[in-house]
Protein backbone atom coordinates (compact mmCIF):
# COMPACT_ATOMS: atom_id res chain seq x y z
CA MET A 1 -14.75 16.08 -2.90
CA ALA A 2 -16.69 16.84 0.24
CA GLY A 3 -19.06 19.62 -0.80
CA PRO A 4 -20.07 22.24 -3.38
CA ASN A 5 -17.12 24.03 -5.03
CA SER A 6 -14.63 21.62 -3.47
CA SER A 7 -11.77 20.53 -5.73
CA GLN A 8 -9.17 17.83 -6.08
CA THR A 9 -6.18 17.76 -8.43
CA LEU A 10 -5.01 14.61 -10.20
CA SER A 11 -1.50 14.32 -11.65
CA ILE A 12 -1.52 12.19 -14.81
CA PRO A 13 1.89 11.03 -16.11
CA VAL A 14 2.45 11.23 -19.86
CA PRO A 15 5.38 9.05 -21.00
CA SER A 16 7.52 10.34 -23.82
CA GLY A 17 6.16 9.23 -27.20
CA LEU A 18 2.58 8.87 -25.98
CA SER A 19 -0.38 11.22 -26.33
CA LEU A 20 -3.37 11.46 -24.03
CA MET A 21 -6.71 10.35 -25.45
CA ALA A 22 -9.36 10.26 -22.71
CA MET A 23 -10.08 9.70 -19.04
CA SER A 24 -12.96 7.50 -17.94
CA GLY A 25 -14.34 6.46 -14.60
CA THR A 26 -17.33 6.51 -12.30
CA VAL A 27 -18.79 9.20 -10.04
CA THR A 28 -20.48 7.97 -6.86
CA VAL A 29 -23.36 10.33 -6.01
CA PRO A 30 -24.53 10.28 -2.36
CA ALA A 31 -28.23 9.77 -1.75
CA GLY A 32 -30.11 13.03 -1.19
CA SER A 33 -27.43 15.27 -2.70
CA ALA A 34 -28.50 18.16 -4.93
CA ALA A 35 -28.15 17.99 -8.68
CA GLY A 36 -24.87 19.36 -10.01
CA ALA A 37 -21.85 18.60 -12.12
CA ILE A 38 -18.18 17.62 -11.99
CA GLU A 39 -15.99 20.02 -13.94
CA PHE A 40 -12.66 18.76 -15.28
CA SER A 41 -10.09 21.44 -16.07
CA SER A 42 -6.39 21.90 -16.76
CA PRO A 43 -4.26 25.06 -16.61
CA THR A 44 -5.23 25.75 -20.23
CA GLY A 45 -9.01 25.55 -19.73
CA VAL A 46 -12.05 23.34 -19.11
CA LEU A 47 -11.71 19.82 -20.50
CA GLY A 48 -15.25 18.63 -19.92
CA THR A 49 -18.21 18.47 -17.57
CA VAL A 50 -20.18 15.52 -16.23
CA THR A 51 -23.78 16.26 -15.22
CA LEU A 52 -24.92 14.69 -11.95
CA PRO A 53 -28.55 13.98 -11.07
CA VAL A 54 -30.14 14.40 -7.66
CA GLY A 55 -28.72 11.67 -5.43
CA ASP A 56 -30.90 8.57 -5.81
CA PRO A 57 -30.13 5.25 -4.07
CA SER A 58 -31.40 3.40 -7.14
CA GLN A 59 -28.76 5.13 -9.32
CA PRO A 60 -25.75 5.74 -7.06
CA THR A 61 -23.12 5.94 -9.81
CA VAL A 62 -22.66 7.90 -13.03
CA PRO A 63 -20.08 6.70 -15.61
CA PHE A 64 -18.15 9.33 -17.55
CA ILE A 65 -15.59 9.87 -20.32
CA VAL A 66 -13.64 13.12 -20.72
CA ARG A 67 -11.52 13.82 -23.82
CA LEU A 68 -7.92 14.79 -23.11
CA THR A 69 -6.65 15.25 -26.66
CA ASP A 70 -6.47 19.04 -26.31
CA ALA A 71 -4.79 18.98 -22.89
CA VAL A 72 -1.18 20.13 -22.60
CA ALA A 73 1.19 18.25 -20.28
CA VAL A 74 4.02 20.13 -18.57
CA ASN A 75 7.27 18.21 -17.96
CA GLY A 76 5.52 14.92 -18.66
CA VAL A 77 2.62 15.51 -16.27
CA LEU A 78 -0.92 16.75 -16.86
CA ALA A 79 -2.60 18.34 -13.85
CA VAL A 80 -6.37 17.84 -13.99
CA THR A 81 -8.52 19.61 -11.41
CA THR A 82 -11.94 18.16 -10.65
CA THR A 83 -14.47 20.56 -9.11
CA TYR A 84 -17.91 19.70 -7.78
CA ARG A 85 -20.47 22.32 -8.85
CA SER A 86 -23.87 22.16 -7.16
CA ALA A 87 -26.89 23.35 -9.15
CA THR A 88 -28.20 24.80 -5.88
CA SER A 89 -26.38 27.88 -4.57
CA LEU A 90 -24.86 27.56 -1.10
CA PRO A 91 -27.30 29.97 0.59
CA GLN A 92 -30.19 27.81 -0.59
CA LEU A 93 -28.82 24.50 0.61
CA ILE A 94 -30.77 22.82 3.39
CA CYS A 95 -28.97 21.70 6.51
CA GLY A 96 -27.92 18.12 6.13
CA ILE A 97 -24.96 15.79 6.23
CA THR A 98 -22.47 16.61 3.47
CA GLN A 99 -21.33 13.31 1.98
CA PRO A 100 -18.40 13.23 -0.43
CA VAL A 101 -18.81 12.87 -4.17
CA THR A 102 -16.24 10.22 -5.10
CA LEU A 103 -14.43 9.45 -8.35
CA THR A 104 -13.41 5.82 -8.72
CA SER A 105 -12.21 3.33 -11.35
CA LEU A 106 -10.25 6.00 -13.19
CA SER A 107 -8.66 4.91 -16.46
CA ILE A 108 -6.44 6.86 -18.84
CA GLY A 109 -6.23 6.13 -22.57
CA TYR A 110 -3.03 6.83 -24.52
CA SER A 111 -2.01 6.53 -28.15
CA GLY A 112 1.41 6.17 -29.73
CA THR A 113 4.52 4.19 -28.89
CA ALA A 114 6.51 4.92 -25.76
CA THR A 115 10.09 6.09 -26.31
CA GLU A 116 12.66 3.53 -25.21
CA PRO A 117 15.14 4.68 -22.56
CA THR A 118 18.55 5.89 -23.70
CA SER A 119 20.21 6.10 -20.27
CA ILE A 120 19.99 4.61 -16.80
CA THR A 121 18.36 7.86 -15.67
CA THR A 122 15.45 7.31 -18.07
CA PHE A 123 15.23 3.52 -17.61
CA LEU A 124 12.23 3.62 -15.26
CA PRO A 125 9.21 5.15 -17.04
CA PRO A 126 6.59 7.46 -15.50
CA ILE A 127 4.17 4.51 -15.45
CA LEU A 128 5.25 0.99 -14.52
CA GLN A 129 2.92 -1.97 -14.23
CA THR A 130 5.33 -4.92 -14.27
CA LEU A 131 8.93 -5.37 -13.17
CA ASP A 132 10.55 -8.55 -14.52
CA LEU A 133 13.48 -9.62 -12.33
CA TYR A 134 15.95 -12.18 -13.73
CA VAL A 135 18.33 -13.98 -11.36
CA PRO A 136 20.58 -17.06 -11.66
CA SER A 137 18.95 -20.43 -11.06
CA HIS A 138 21.16 -20.76 -7.97
CA PRO A 139 21.10 -17.23 -6.55
CA SER A 140 23.66 -16.15 -3.98
CA ALA A 141 22.66 -14.24 -0.85
CA ALA A 142 23.93 -11.07 -2.55
CA VAL A 143 21.62 -11.66 -5.54
CA GLU A 144 18.68 -12.30 -3.19
CA GLN A 145 19.49 -9.07 -1.33
CA ALA A 146 19.71 -7.06 -4.54
CA ALA A 147 16.40 -8.49 -5.80
CA LEU A 148 14.59 -7.52 -2.58
CA ASP A 149 16.10 -4.03 -2.54
CA LEU A 150 15.21 -3.42 -6.19
CA GLU A 151 11.67 -4.52 -5.45
CA VAL A 152 10.99 -2.32 -2.40
CA GLN A 153 12.58 0.72 -4.05
CA THR A 154 10.48 0.27 -7.18
CA VAL A 155 7.20 -0.39 -5.36
CA ALA A 156 7.75 2.62 -3.08
CA ARG A 157 8.67 4.84 -6.03
CA TYR A 158 5.39 4.17 -7.85
CA ALA A 159 3.05 4.05 -4.84
CA PRO A 160 0.07 4.08 -4.77
CA GLN A 161 0.18 2.72 -8.33
CA PRO A 162 0.59 -1.07 -7.89
CA VAL A 163 3.58 -2.78 -9.51
CA THR A 164 3.64 -6.52 -10.23
CA VAL A 165 7.04 -8.13 -9.64
CA VAL A 166 7.72 -11.34 -11.60
CA LEU A 167 10.77 -13.50 -10.91
CA HIS A 168 12.54 -15.39 -13.72
CA THR A 169 15.82 -17.28 -14.06
CA TRP A 170 18.71 -16.55 -16.43
CA ASP A 171 22.15 -18.13 -16.26
CA GLY A 172 23.85 -16.46 -19.25
CA ALA A 173 27.21 -15.07 -18.15
CA THR A 174 27.33 -12.34 -20.80
CA SER A 175 24.03 -12.50 -22.70
CA VAL A 176 20.69 -10.98 -21.69
CA PRO A 177 17.22 -12.58 -21.80
CA GLY A 178 15.15 -11.98 -24.93
CA VAL A 179 12.06 -10.07 -23.84
CA ALA A 180 9.61 -8.64 -26.34
CA PRO A 181 9.01 -4.90 -25.77
CA ALA A 182 5.88 -4.25 -23.73
CA ALA A 183 4.32 -1.01 -22.57
CA PHE A 184 4.76 -0.02 -18.93
CA GLU A 185 7.12 -2.94 -18.28
CA ARG A 186 10.83 -3.10 -17.47
CA THR A 187 13.38 -5.92 -17.17
CA ILE A 188 16.32 -6.04 -14.74
CA LEU A 189 18.92 -8.82 -14.78
CA VAL A 190 20.89 -9.37 -11.55
CA ARG A 191 24.05 -11.46 -11.89
CA SER A 192 27.18 -12.26 -9.90
CA SER A 193 30.38 -10.81 -11.34
CA SER A 194 33.77 -9.58 -10.19
CA GLN A 195 33.06 -6.30 -11.99
CA ALA A 196 30.49 -4.21 -10.10
CA GLY A 197 28.26 -1.84 -12.02
CA SER A 198 25.08 -1.32 -14.03
CA ALA A 199 24.67 -1.29 -17.79
CA LEU A 200 21.69 -0.52 -20.01
CA GLU A 201 21.58 -3.07 -22.80
CA THR A 202 19.17 -3.99 -25.58
CA ASP A 203 17.97 -7.54 -26.17
CA ALA A 204 17.34 -9.30 -29.47
CA PHE A 205 13.82 -7.85 -29.65
CA GLY A 206 14.96 -4.26 -29.06
CA ALA A 207 13.68 -4.13 -25.47
CA PRO A 208 15.77 -2.39 -22.79
CA VAL A 209 17.38 -4.58 -20.13
CA LEU A 210 19.23 -3.14 -17.14
CA VAL A 211 22.02 -5.46 -16.04
CA MET A 212 23.30 -5.14 -12.46
CA SER A 213 26.50 -6.99 -11.59
CA GLY A 214 28.77 -7.44 -8.62
CA GLU A 215 29.55 -9.61 -5.62
CA GLY A 216 28.50 -9.25 -2.01
CA GLN A 217 27.92 -5.67 -0.91
CA SER A 218 29.24 -4.30 -4.21
CA LEU A 219 26.27 -5.90 -6.00
CA ASP A 220 23.70 -4.53 -3.58
CA ASN A 221 25.28 -1.07 -3.89
CA GLN A 222 24.24 -0.96 -7.55
CA THR A 223 20.52 -1.05 -6.68
CA ILE A 224 20.68 2.54 -5.42
CA VAL A 225 21.37 3.75 -8.97
CA LEU A 226 17.61 3.81 -9.61
CA SER A 227 16.89 6.06 -6.63
CA GLY A 228 17.21 9.77 -5.97
CA ALA A 229 20.43 11.63 -6.69
CA PRO A 230 22.40 8.60 -7.99
CA ASN A 231 19.72 8.06 -10.65
CA ALA A 232 19.82 11.70 -11.73
CA THR A 233 23.58 11.51 -12.31
CA ALA A 234 23.52 8.19 -14.22
CA GLN A 235 22.85 9.86 -17.54
CA GLY A 236 24.84 7.39 -19.61
CA THR A 237 24.32 3.69 -20.33
CA THR A 238 26.76 2.52 -17.66
CA ALA A 239 27.29 3.44 -14.02
CA ALA A 240 28.99 2.05 -10.94
CA VAL A 241 28.07 2.87 -7.34
CA ARG A 242 31.12 2.65 -5.07
CA ASN A 243 29.74 3.50 -1.64
CA VAL A 244 26.29 3.71 -0.10
CA GLY A 245 25.47 5.62 3.07
CA PRO A 246 23.58 4.17 6.04
CA VAL A 247 19.85 3.47 5.97
CA PRO A 248 18.02 6.77 6.67
CA SER A 249 16.76 6.93 10.21
CA ILE A 250 13.05 7.10 10.91
CA ALA A 251 11.80 10.51 12.02
CA SER A 252 11.18 11.20 15.70
CA LEU A 253 8.23 9.95 17.72
CA ARG A 254 6.86 13.52 17.75
CA GLN A 255 5.86 14.85 14.34
CA SER A 256 3.64 17.61 13.03
CA LEU A 257 0.86 16.90 10.55
CA ALA A 258 2.94 18.76 7.96
CA GLN A 259 5.84 16.35 8.54
CA LEU A 260 3.47 13.41 8.20
CA GLY A 261 2.01 14.83 4.98
CA VAL A 262 -1.47 15.00 6.49
CA SER A 263 -3.88 17.89 5.96
CA GLY A 264 -7.62 18.50 5.92
CA SER A 265 -10.26 21.16 5.53
CA VAL A 266 -13.96 21.37 4.73
CA THR A 267 -16.42 24.15 3.85
CA GLY A 268 -20.21 24.04 4.03
CA VAL A 269 -23.26 24.39 6.20
CA GLY A 270 -25.23 21.96 8.34
CA SER A 271 -23.43 18.68 9.11
CA LEU A 272 -19.93 18.41 7.64
CA GLN A 273 -17.51 15.47 7.63
CA LEU A 274 -13.70 15.54 7.61
CA GLY A 275 -11.17 12.74 8.04
CA LEU A 276 -7.41 12.55 8.61
CA GLY A 277 -5.35 9.37 8.29
CA ILE A 278 -2.38 8.94 10.66
CA PRO A 279 0.32 6.82 8.95
CA GLU A 280 1.71 4.47 11.60
CA ALA A 281 4.84 3.57 9.63
CA LYS A 282 6.07 7.19 9.72
CA PHE A 283 6.82 6.72 13.44
CA GLY A 284 9.18 3.80 12.82
CA GLY A 285 7.40 0.90 14.47
CA ALA A 286 4.16 -0.59 15.77
CA VAL A 287 2.40 2.13 17.79
CA SER A 288 0.76 1.44 21.15
CA SER A 289 -0.83 4.90 21.59
CA TYR A 290 -0.98 8.40 20.12
CA ASN A 291 -1.17 11.70 21.98
CA VAL A 292 -2.55 14.34 19.63
CA HIS A 293 -2.22 18.08 20.16
CA LEU A 294 -4.82 19.37 17.73
CA VAL A 295 -5.27 22.94 16.55
CA ALA A 296 -7.97 23.92 14.05
CA HIS A 297 -9.16 27.21 12.59
CA TYR A 298 -12.79 27.85 11.66
CA THR A 299 -15.21 30.60 10.75
CA PRO A 300 -16.20 32.31 14.05
CA VAL A 301 -19.63 31.26 15.28
CA ALA A 302 -21.83 34.07 16.61
CA SER A 303 -23.71 33.66 19.88
CA SER A 304 -26.98 33.40 17.91
CA GLU A 305 -25.60 30.44 15.90
CA LYS A 306 -24.77 26.85 16.79
CA GLY A 307 -21.47 25.13 16.10
CA THR A 308 -19.88 21.93 17.40
CA ALA A 309 -16.98 19.66 16.45
CA VAL A 310 -16.97 16.01 17.55
CA ILE A 311 -13.70 14.12 17.06
CA SER A 312 -13.68 10.33 17.04
CA VAL A 313 -11.88 7.20 15.89
CA GLY A 314 -14.29 4.52 14.75
CA SER A 315 -17.24 4.57 17.12
CA LYS A 316 -15.17 5.99 20.00
CA VAL A 317 -15.74 9.70 20.67
CA LEU A 318 -12.50 11.33 21.84
CA SER A 319 -13.54 14.97 22.15
CA THR A 320 -16.70 17.10 21.90
CA ASN A 321 -16.19 20.84 21.41
CA LEU A 322 -18.39 23.93 21.17
CA LEU A 323 -17.33 26.33 18.42
CA GLY A 324 -17.51 30.00 19.38
CA THR A 325 -16.44 33.46 18.36
CA SER A 326 -12.69 32.85 18.69
CA GLY A 327 -12.41 30.81 15.49
CA LEU A 328 -9.75 28.65 17.19
CA LEU A 329 -10.05 25.08 18.48
CA THR A 330 -7.27 23.61 20.62
CA THR A 331 -7.60 20.18 22.21
CA ASN A 332 -5.51 17.21 23.32
CA LEU A 333 -6.52 13.66 22.45
CA THR A 334 -5.29 10.20 23.37
CA ILE A 335 -5.79 7.34 20.92
CA PRO A 336 -5.37 3.96 22.70
CA THR A 337 -3.97 0.73 21.30
CA GLN A 338 -7.30 -0.87 20.38
CA LEU A 339 -8.14 2.00 18.00
CA ILE A 340 -4.81 2.08 16.13
CA THR A 341 -4.46 0.75 12.60
CA GLN A 342 -1.93 1.16 9.80
CA SER A 343 -3.67 4.44 8.95
CA THR A 344 -5.76 5.46 11.95
CA ALA A 345 -8.71 7.54 10.75
CA LEU A 346 -9.29 10.62 12.90
CA GLN A 347 -12.85 11.69 12.06
CA PHE A 348 -14.42 15.11 12.52
CA ALA A 349 -18.20 15.63 12.63
CA ILE A 350 -18.68 19.38 12.35
CA ASN A 351 -22.12 20.94 12.77
CA TYR A 352 -22.85 24.55 11.86
CA TYR A 353 -26.36 26.02 11.96
CA PRO A 354 -26.54 29.78 11.22
CA ALA A 355 -29.16 32.02 12.78
CA GLY A 356 -32.32 32.00 10.70
CA GLY A 357 -31.56 28.59 9.19
CA CYS A 358 -29.24 27.38 6.47
CA ALA A 359 -31.42 28.50 3.59
CA SER A 360 -31.77 32.12 4.63
CA SER A 361 -28.45 33.26 6.12
CA GLY A 362 -26.01 32.79 3.25
CA ARG A 363 -23.26 31.96 5.79
CA VAL A 364 -21.02 28.92 5.54
CA MET A 365 -18.45 27.33 7.83
CA SER A 366 -14.80 26.86 6.81
CA PHE A 367 -12.93 24.45 9.08
CA SER A 368 -9.25 23.57 8.62
CA VAL A 369 -6.79 21.60 10.72
CA ASP A 370 -3.54 23.47 11.42
CA PRO A 371 -0.58 21.64 9.81
CA GLN A 372 1.51 22.43 12.89
CA SER A 373 -0.74 20.27 15.06
CA PHE A 374 1.48 17.46 16.29
CA ILE A 375 1.27 13.82 17.29
CA THR A 376 3.45 12.00 19.81
CA ALA A 377 3.56 8.22 19.43
CA SER A 378 4.47 5.53 21.93
CA LEU A 379 5.82 2.37 20.33
CA VAL A 380 5.07 -1.21 21.28
CA SER A 381 7.90 -2.58 23.38
CA GLY A 382 9.37 -5.50 21.46
CA GLY A 383 7.31 -7.42 18.93
CA ALA A 384 3.67 -7.32 17.93
CA GLY A 385 1.44 -9.82 16.16
CA GLY A 386 -1.44 -9.80 13.72
CA PHE A 387 -1.72 -8.61 10.14
CA GLY A 388 -2.55 -5.12 11.36
CA VAL A 389 1.05 -4.48 12.50
CA LEU A 390 2.42 -4.61 8.94
CA GLY A 391 4.49 -2.90 7.75
CA ALA A 392 5.25 -0.79 10.89
CA GLY A 393 6.14 -3.97 12.75
CA LEU A 394 9.11 -4.54 10.42
CA LEU A 395 10.71 -1.12 10.89
CA PRO A 396 13.33 0.22 10.77
CA THR A 397 14.97 -2.91 9.30
CA PHE A 398 14.08 -6.59 9.22
CA GLU A 399 16.07 -9.73 8.54
CA VAL A 400 15.14 -12.20 5.80
CA GLY A 401 15.93 -15.90 6.14
CA LEU A 402 15.20 -18.38 3.35
CA GLY A 403 15.16 -22.15 3.47
CA SER A 404 17.48 -24.34 1.42
CA ALA A 405 15.02 -26.85 -0.05
CA SER A 406 13.88 -24.69 -2.98
CA PRO A 407 15.79 -21.38 -3.01
CA LEU A 408 14.10 -19.90 -6.07
CA ASN A 409 10.59 -20.61 -4.82
CA GLU A 410 11.48 -19.24 -1.40
CA LEU A 411 13.01 -16.08 -2.91
CA ASN A 412 9.90 -15.66 -5.05
CA ILE A 413 7.59 -15.91 -2.02
CA ALA A 414 9.81 -13.51 -0.06
CA LEU A 415 9.50 -11.04 -2.95
CA GLN A 416 5.71 -11.34 -3.12
CA VAL A 417 5.26 -10.99 0.64
CA THR A 418 7.66 -8.04 0.84
CA ARG A 419 6.04 -6.32 -2.14
CA SER A 420 2.59 -6.55 -0.58
CA ILE A 421 3.92 -5.21 2.75
CA GLN A 422 5.71 -2.31 1.03
CA GLU A 423 2.39 -1.35 -0.56
CA THR A 424 1.00 -0.74 2.93
CA SER A 425 3.99 1.23 4.19
CA SER A 426 4.46 4.99 3.88
CA VAL A 427 8.22 4.55 4.41
CA LEU A 428 10.79 2.45 2.55
CA LEU A 429 11.33 -1.03 4.00
CA ALA A 430 14.89 -2.25 4.59
CA PRO A 431 15.11 -6.05 4.26
CA LYS A 432 18.48 -7.64 5.12
CA VAL A 433 19.17 -11.16 3.83
CA THR A 434 21.10 -13.46 6.13
CA SER A 435 21.22 -17.17 6.85
CA LEU A 436 18.15 -18.88 8.22
CA SER A 437 20.02 -19.92 11.35
CA ASN A 438 21.08 -16.32 12.02
CA VAL A 439 17.51 -15.08 11.60
CA VAL A 440 16.14 -17.73 13.94
CA SER A 441 18.53 -16.73 16.73
CA SER A 442 18.25 -12.96 16.16
CA SER A 443 16.08 -10.50 18.06
CA GLN A 444 15.44 -8.26 15.02
CA PRO A 445 12.06 -8.25 13.19
CA ALA A 446 12.11 -11.05 10.65
CA LEU A 447 10.63 -12.55 7.49
CA ILE A 448 11.21 -16.30 7.29
CA VAL A 449 10.30 -18.38 4.23
CA ALA A 450 11.02 -22.08 4.72
CA PRO A 451 9.41 -25.53 4.61
CA SER A 452 8.20 -26.82 7.96
CA SER A 453 11.08 -29.31 8.08
CA GLU A 454 13.50 -26.35 8.41
CA VAL A 455 11.45 -24.28 10.88
CA PRO A 456 12.53 -24.88 14.49
CA SER A 457 9.86 -25.18 17.14
CA SER A 458 11.59 -22.37 19.08
CA LEU A 459 9.89 -19.87 16.77
CA ASP A 460 6.62 -20.83 18.48
CA PRO A 461 4.25 -19.63 15.71
CA PRO A 462 0.45 -19.76 16.13
CA VAL A 463 0.40 -22.75 13.75
CA MET A 464 3.33 -25.16 13.67
CA LEU A 465 3.34 -27.59 10.75
CA LYS A 466 5.17 -30.87 10.65
CA PRO A 467 5.18 -33.03 7.52
CA LYS A 468 2.42 -35.67 7.79
CA THR A 469 2.52 -35.69 11.57
CA THR A 470 0.99 -33.50 14.27
CA SER A 471 0.24 -29.81 13.69
CA THR A 472 0.01 -27.66 16.81
CA ILE A 473 -2.53 -24.85 16.85
CA ASP A 474 -2.92 -22.38 19.68
CA GLY A 475 -6.29 -22.25 21.38
CA PRO A 476 -7.85 -21.42 24.73
CA ARG A 477 -6.69 -24.78 26.08
CA GLY A 478 -4.05 -25.69 23.50
CA THR A 479 -4.92 -28.26 20.84
CA GLN A 480 -3.08 -30.80 18.72
CA VAL A 481 -4.52 -32.09 15.49
CA GLY A 482 -3.04 -34.94 13.49
CA THR A 483 -3.23 -34.49 9.72
CA ASN A 484 -1.74 -36.05 6.62
CA ALA A 485 -2.93 -33.15 4.43
CA SER A 486 -0.56 -30.70 2.77
CA VAL A 487 -0.94 -27.32 4.45
CA ALA A 488 0.69 -23.90 3.88
CA THR A 489 0.51 -20.84 6.12
CA LEU A 490 1.50 -17.20 6.31
CA GLN A 491 1.67 -15.94 9.91
CA VAL A 492 2.45 -12.62 11.63
CA PHE A 493 3.14 -13.03 15.34
CA ASN A 494 5.10 -11.82 18.31
CA GLN A 495 7.90 -14.32 18.79
CA THR A 496 7.80 -14.43 22.56
CA ASN A 497 11.27 -15.87 23.22
CA THR A 498 12.90 -12.93 21.38
CA ASN A 499 10.06 -10.40 21.72
CA ARG A 500 10.04 -9.45 18.04
CA THR A 501 7.59 -9.32 15.12
CA THR A 502 8.02 -12.34 12.86
CA VAL A 503 6.42 -12.99 9.47
CA LEU A 504 6.56 -16.70 8.66
CA ALA A 505 5.70 -18.34 5.32
CA MET A 506 5.72 -22.11 5.72
CA THR A 507 4.53 -25.25 3.96
CA SER A 508 4.31 -28.86 5.06
CA ALA A 509 5.01 -30.11 1.52
CA ASP A 510 6.12 -28.28 -1.63
CA TRP A 511 5.57 -24.57 -2.29
CA GLN A 512 2.78 -25.19 -4.77
CA ASN A 513 0.54 -25.30 -1.69
CA PHE A 514 1.34 -21.65 -1.05
CA ALA A 515 0.03 -20.47 -4.45
CA PRO A 516 -3.50 -19.49 -3.25
CA ILE A 517 -2.00 -17.28 -0.52
CA GLU A 518 0.39 -15.75 -3.05
CA GLN A 519 -2.55 -15.05 -5.35
CA GLN A 520 -4.41 -13.31 -2.52
CA LEU A 521 -1.38 -11.13 -1.80
CA SER A 522 -1.23 -10.10 -5.47
CA THR A 523 -4.36 -7.98 -4.94
CA PHE A 524 -3.41 -4.36 -4.25
CA GLY A 525 -4.03 -3.51 -0.59
CA ALA A 526 -4.51 -7.19 0.31
CA TRP A 527 -3.48 -6.73 3.95
CA SER A 528 -6.25 -4.21 4.65
CA SER A 529 -8.93 -6.90 4.47
CA LEU A 530 -7.17 -9.33 6.82
CA THR A 531 -8.20 -9.36 10.47
CA GLY A 532 -6.28 -12.18 12.13
CA ASP A 533 -2.69 -13.39 12.33
CA THR A 534 -2.67 -16.53 10.16
CA LEU A 535 -3.55 -17.32 6.55
CA LEU A 536 -3.94 -21.07 6.16
CA VAL A 537 -4.64 -23.09 3.02
CA GLY A 538 -5.12 -26.82 2.54
CA PRO A 539 -5.40 -29.20 -0.44
CA ALA A 540 -8.69 -27.63 -1.59
CA GLY A 541 -6.92 -24.31 -2.16
CA GLN A 542 -9.29 -22.35 0.09
CA VAL A 543 -7.55 -19.61 2.12
CA SER A 544 -8.71 -18.99 5.71
CA ASP A 545 -7.99 -15.77 7.62
CA LEU A 546 -7.60 -16.98 11.22
CA ALA A 547 -7.32 -14.95 14.42
CA ILE A 548 -5.43 -17.40 16.64
CA ARG A 549 -3.43 -15.10 18.91
CA ALA A 550 -4.30 -11.63 17.63
CA GLY A 551 -7.40 -9.85 16.39
CA GLY A 552 -10.08 -11.74 18.34
CA PRO A 553 -11.23 -15.29 18.97
CA SER A 554 -9.99 -18.02 16.69
CA GLN A 555 -12.25 -18.88 13.76
CA LEU A 556 -10.79 -22.38 13.55
CA ALA A 557 -12.98 -25.44 14.07
CA LEU A 558 -10.85 -28.37 15.15
CA ALA A 559 -11.61 -31.98 14.39
CA PRO A 560 -10.99 -34.63 17.09
CA ASN A 561 -7.42 -35.87 17.18
CA THR A 562 -8.08 -38.85 14.92
CA GLY A 563 -5.02 -38.46 12.72
CA THR A 564 -7.09 -37.74 9.63
CA ASN A 565 -7.94 -34.20 8.57
CA LEU A 566 -7.50 -30.63 9.71
CA ILE A 567 -10.81 -28.78 9.38
CA TRP A 568 -11.21 -25.02 9.33
CA ILE A 569 -14.13 -22.64 8.80
CA GLY A 570 -14.84 -18.94 8.97
CA LEU A 571 -13.58 -17.98 5.50
CA ALA A 572 -13.66 -14.49 4.05
CA ALA A 573 -13.72 -12.42 7.21
CA SER A 574 -15.46 -9.08 6.83
CA ALA A 575 -13.31 -6.81 4.69
CA LEU A 576 -12.54 -3.24 5.60
CA VAL A 577 -13.98 -1.10 2.83
CA ILE A 578 -11.51 1.53 1.65
CA VAL A 579 -12.15 4.06 -1.13
CA VAL A 580 -8.99 4.27 -3.23
CA LEU A 581 -8.38 6.17 -6.45
CA LEU A 582 -6.37 3.88 -8.71
CA LEU A 583 -4.93 4.99 -12.01
CA ALA A 584 -5.59 2.13 -14.42
CA ILE A 585 -3.85 2.35 -17.75
CA ALA A 586 -5.85 1.46 -20.86
CA GLY A 587 -6.07 1.99 -24.59
CA LEU A 588 -2.37 1.85 -25.50
CA SER A 589 -1.33 0.31 -28.79
CA ARG A 590 1.34 -2.27 -28.06
CA ARG A 591 3.83 -3.79 -30.40
CA ARG A 592 3.41 -7.14 -28.74
CA LYS A 593 1.47 -8.50 -25.78
CA ARG A 594 2.73 -11.08 -23.35
CA GLN A 595 0.86 -13.21 -20.90
CA ARG A 596 2.10 -12.97 -17.34
CA ARG A 597 1.62 -14.90 -14.18
CA THR A 598 2.17 -13.12 -10.89
CA GLY A 599 5.26 -14.41 -9.15
CA ALA A 600 5.95 -16.87 -11.99
CA LEU A 601 9.32 -18.53 -12.32
CA SER A 602 10.53 -19.12 -15.83
């Protein structure tokens, strides 16, 4: 909420069988802001009010709890509008920078017992925290494909709410795993069978289990039953998907803000701030530049008043504009490669100073960006490297190749890496499982998960591991370091011999070495804090974010080639701070709790 009387609406899901109790969280109050309040309301009336003091750096946050027991949900959703009310009327406000009042750490309390699903249509609940995937101990390529597709569809469906995906094994040909019922959790069993279809079953504890069966493409076809129209028609306990259409094409390189789902407006006086995020993935690949045709509408500025709009990305000013009597701003901007991120922030600094001063005129400025403004993107030719290219660098489809040494561990790591990339993407990823040899020789974007003994040197990654021998690390002059330490890496690089984006997870020993990287990826939005192209972890379990080819100079300190240890420094590169509203679920009575381990195999 960027100023007095500004509002934001939150949609709170209410699963069948549960009742809302309360919402809690924290309000961040900017220094120097006037005293006021946050009003929480629903269509049936005001739910509560949180009083805010004058902004004081020594007390920047105010915790709150709002009762929701009297709120009425409509079709399983409660719409709560939060409105910032300033104790000082707008005409009396002094000219100054309007900083947003932010709500964070939101939690919702429920009571009751969630209703178990009675059909495939109702299998996925409004809130999902954990998806348990069961596969055979020796999964076929079709099972691996189905597991990845189920994951990306589920993560995309619930975004931005994070979903933990946990892989287990189950070899029962007709039985289902016994899983105690748990709130906001679902279990899917994927098995090979000559009979293709999906069936909703109940295990020995009364928990729902969705069983998906088939062979080859017929198995993967069943995963679509949880998406869109097929899900709406699967109103029984069994269903079979016969045919699936092609992967939807990515929209054109020229899109309006409305097509991108981007909008923005601000109202106030003095110095106002407005930001728009441009989602790179919506353009279908890694973007090299944007050309923006921007149209904005604002309150006309009289000749006796002062109004300007400065548009920038980061510290780079792209356009400075005087605001006049027309009330219309039209400008063309170019955003170059070095300013582009997964969600490039286009920032507006709007200044409006009425005649006679802010306190005496009673006038305010309303500034809104026209949704028909459009952006034309130019894509990177071929591949791109660095963590910043994910997940646009893997669009529209990418191939997945897994090693043969430990298929379950490699599938599990592929799931965790893909899940974390899908969290960053505004479009659905399309992984395609094939043999490791096919992926190595292909020119399509790729995810490869394999021990170093199965990774050919032709991939030419920034860090090449060889078991207990020499590891090659790119540098200004090229460097070789001998090491007998167990090392694991996750790398995103432009594979130069095929000119494609490649994501490589690799270990010089067993996959236990990779666990610290996997743990880091389990944090929602993990990629946003990474600045280089290589995550590297050694026996001490300390993860380094290294910029070897992309993102700046390498942070790696290399020991002399003595055949002893690989030494690295520069841990915990500066993280990009992002304000995110996350809906945390709390206060639900559960029939039974289970301990979980992210990415655990059982």
